[in-house]
């Protein structure tokens, strides 16, 4: 799998997990649905957050050299 393909799939996973986390958060916050669904919403919310965290760490890993270079340039330009 190429680097571009890896980035694409990590971004897709981040997007889907983020949307699930946001939607389940709203369902929990606004008490949507019957009480018996609360545990299900909490589980979905938690597990989507775990997936999103893992994908975010992978995303940072893939872009670490870019982040270092951009940060270095930004810090050096502020000192001038």
C-alpha atoms as a PDB file:
ATOM      1  CA  UNK A   1       0.000   0.000   0.000  1.00  0.00           C
ATOM      2  CA  UNK A   2       1.385   3.407  -0.942  1.00  0.00           C
ATOM      3  CA  UNK A   3       1.840   6.278   1.492  1.00  0.00           C
ATOM      4  CA  UNK A   4      -1.051   8.168  -0.109  1.00  0.00           C
ATOM      5  CA  UNK A   5      -3.351   5.152   0.251  1.00  0.00           C
ATOM      6  CA  UNK A   6      -2.376   4.735   3.917  1.00  0.00           C
ATOM      7  CA  UNK A   7      -3.098   8.401   4.593  1.00  0.00           C
ATOM      8  CA  UNK A   8      -6.408   8.129   2.775  1.00  0.00           C
ATOM      9  CA  UNK A   9      -7.612   5.166   4.836  1.00  0.00           C
ATOM     10  CA  UNK A  10      -6.426   6.655   8.124  1.00  0.00           C
ATOM     11  CA  UNK A  11      -8.310   9.863   7.265  1.00  0.00           C
ATOM     12  CA  UNK A  12     -11.457   7.903   6.355  1.00  0.00           C
ATOM     13  CA  UNK A  13     -11.311   6.011   9.662  1.00  0.00           C
ATOM     14  CA  UNK A  14     -10.809   9.314  11.519  1.00  0.00           C
ATOM     15  CA  UNK A  15     -13.792  10.851   9.760  1.00  0.00           C
ATOM     16  CA  UNK A  16     -16.142   7.921  10.381  1.00  0.00           C
ATOM     17  CA  UNK A  17     -15.062   7.425  14.010  1.00  0.00           C
ATOM     18  CA  UNK A  18     -15.346  11.166  14.623  1.00  0.00           C
ATOM     19  CA  UNK A  19     -18.847  11.337  13.175  1.00  0.00           C
ATOM     20  CA  UNK A  20     -19.965   8.330  15.220  1.00  0.00           C
ATOM     21  CA  UNK A  21     -18.472   9.871  18.353  1.00  0.00           C
ATOM     22  CA  UNK A  22     -20.198  13.215  17.727  1.00  0.00           C
ATOM     23  CA  UNK A  23     -23.578  11.657  16.934  1.00  0.00           C
ATOM     24  CA  UNK A  24     -23.491   9.321  19.929  1.00  0.00           C
ATOM     25  CA  UNK A  25     -22.422  12.251  22.107  1.00  0.00           C
ATOM     26  CA  UNK A  26     -25.461  14.247  21.017  1.00  0.00           C
ATOM     27  CA  UNK A  27     -27.718  11.241  21.586  1.00  0.00           C
ATOM     28  CA  UNK A  28     -26.351  10.939  25.123  1.00  0.00           C
ATOM     29  CA  UNK A  29     -26.428  14.669  25.843  1.00  0.00           C
ATOM     30  CA  UNK A  30     -29.988  15.214  24.643  1.00  0.00           C
ATOM     31  CA  UNK A  31     -31.276  11.905  26.067  1.00  0.00           C
ATOM     32  CA  UNK A  32     -32.604  10.726  22.709  1.00  0.00           C
ATOM     33  CA  UNK A  33     -34.316   7.354  22.722  1.00  0.00           C
ATOM     34  CA  UNK A  34     -35.482   5.117  25.496  1.00  0.00           C
ATOM     35  CA  UNK A  35     -33.489   4.578  28.669  1.00  0.00           C
ATOM     36  CA  UNK A  36     -32.491   1.076  27.645  1.00  0.00           C
ATOM     37  CA  UNK A  37     -30.415   2.546  24.793  1.00  0.00           C
ATOM     38  CA  UNK A  38     -28.258   4.704  27.072  1.00  0.00           C
ATOM     39  CA  UNK A  39     -25.738   1.916  27.729  1.00  0.00           C
ATOM     40  CA  UNK A  40     -25.541   1.164  23.998  1.00  0.00           C
ATOM     41  CA  UNK A  41     -24.918   4.842  23.197  1.00  0.00           C
ATOM     42  CA  UNK A  42     -22.195   5.018  25.846  1.00  0.00           C
ATOM     43  CA  UNK A  43     -20.494   1.908  24.467  1.00  0.00           C
ATOM     44  CA  UNK A  44     -20.653   3.200  20.893  1.00  0.00           C
ATOM     45  CA  UNK A  45     -19.348   6.566  22.047  1.00  0.00           C
ATOM     46  CA  UNK A  46     -16.448   5.018  23.976  1.00  0.00           C
ATOM     47  CA  UNK A  47     -15.373   2.556  21.302  1.00  0.00           C
ATOM     48  CA  UNK A  48     -15.558   5.124  18.519  1.00  0.00           C
ATOM     49  CA  UNK A  49     -13.362   7.393  20.654  1.00  0.00           C
ATOM     50  CA  UNK A  50     -10.832   4.555  21.062  1.00  0.00           C
ATOM     51  CA  UNK A  51     -10.755   3.958  17.311  1.00  0.00           C
ATOM     52  CA  UNK A  52     -10.447   7.691  16.661  1.00  0.00           C
ATOM     53  CA  UNK A  53      -7.565   7.973  19.156  1.00  0.00           C
ATOM     54  CA  UNK A  54      -5.688   5.075  17.540  1.00  0.00           C
ATOM     55  CA  UNK A  55      -6.221   6.546  14.058  1.00  0.00           C
ATOM     56  CA  UNK A  56      -5.118   9.981  15.272  1.00  0.00           C
ATOM     57  CA  UNK A  57      -1.899   8.536  16.700  1.00  0.00           C
ATOM     58  CA  UNK A  58      -1.277   6.723  13.417  1.00  0.00           C
ATOM     59  CA  UNK A  59      -1.976   9.965  11.551  1.00  0.00           C
ATOM     60  CA  UNK A  60       0.609  11.800  13.666  1.00  0.00           C
ATOM     61  CA  UNK A  61       3.093   8.966  13.131  1.00  0.00           C
ATOM     62  CA  UNK A  62       2.698   9.170   9.346  1.00  0.00           C
ATOM     63  CA  UNK A  63       3.101  12.969   9.369  1.00  0.00           C
ATOM     64  CA  UNK A  64       5.737  13.326  12.103  1.00  0.00           C
ATOM     65  CA  UNK A  65       8.584  14.465   9.818  1.00  0.00           C
ATOM     66  CA  UNK A  66       6.307  17.049   8.172  1.00  0.00           C
ATOM     67  CA  UNK A  67       5.177  18.312  11.599  1.00  0.00           C
ATOM     68  CA  UNK A  68       8.788  18.676  12.763  1.00  0.00           C
ATOM     69  CA  UNK A  69       9.842  20.609   9.661  1.00  0.00           C
ATOM     70  CA  UNK A  70       6.862  22.973   9.695  1.00  0.00           C
ATOM     71  CA  UNK A  71       7.242  23.581  13.436  1.00  0.00           C
ATOM     72  CA  UNK A  72      10.943  24.296  13.013  1.00  0.00           C
ATOM     73  CA  UNK A  73      10.243  26.792  10.218  1.00  0.00           C
ATOM     74  CA  UNK A  74       7.506  28.484  12.226  1.00  0.00           C
ATOM     75  CA  UNK A  75       9.672  28.812  15.319  1.00  0.00           C
ATOM     76  CA  UNK A  76      12.626  30.127  13.351  1.00  0.00           C
ATOM     77  CA  UNK A  77      10.501  32.685  11.494  1.00  0.00           C
ATOM     78  CA  UNK A  78       9.144  34.033  14.821  1.00  0.00           C
ATOM     79  CA  UNK A  79      12.710  34.667  16.077  1.00  0.00           C
ATOM     80  CA  UNK A  80      13.697  36.814  13.083  1.00  0.00           C
END
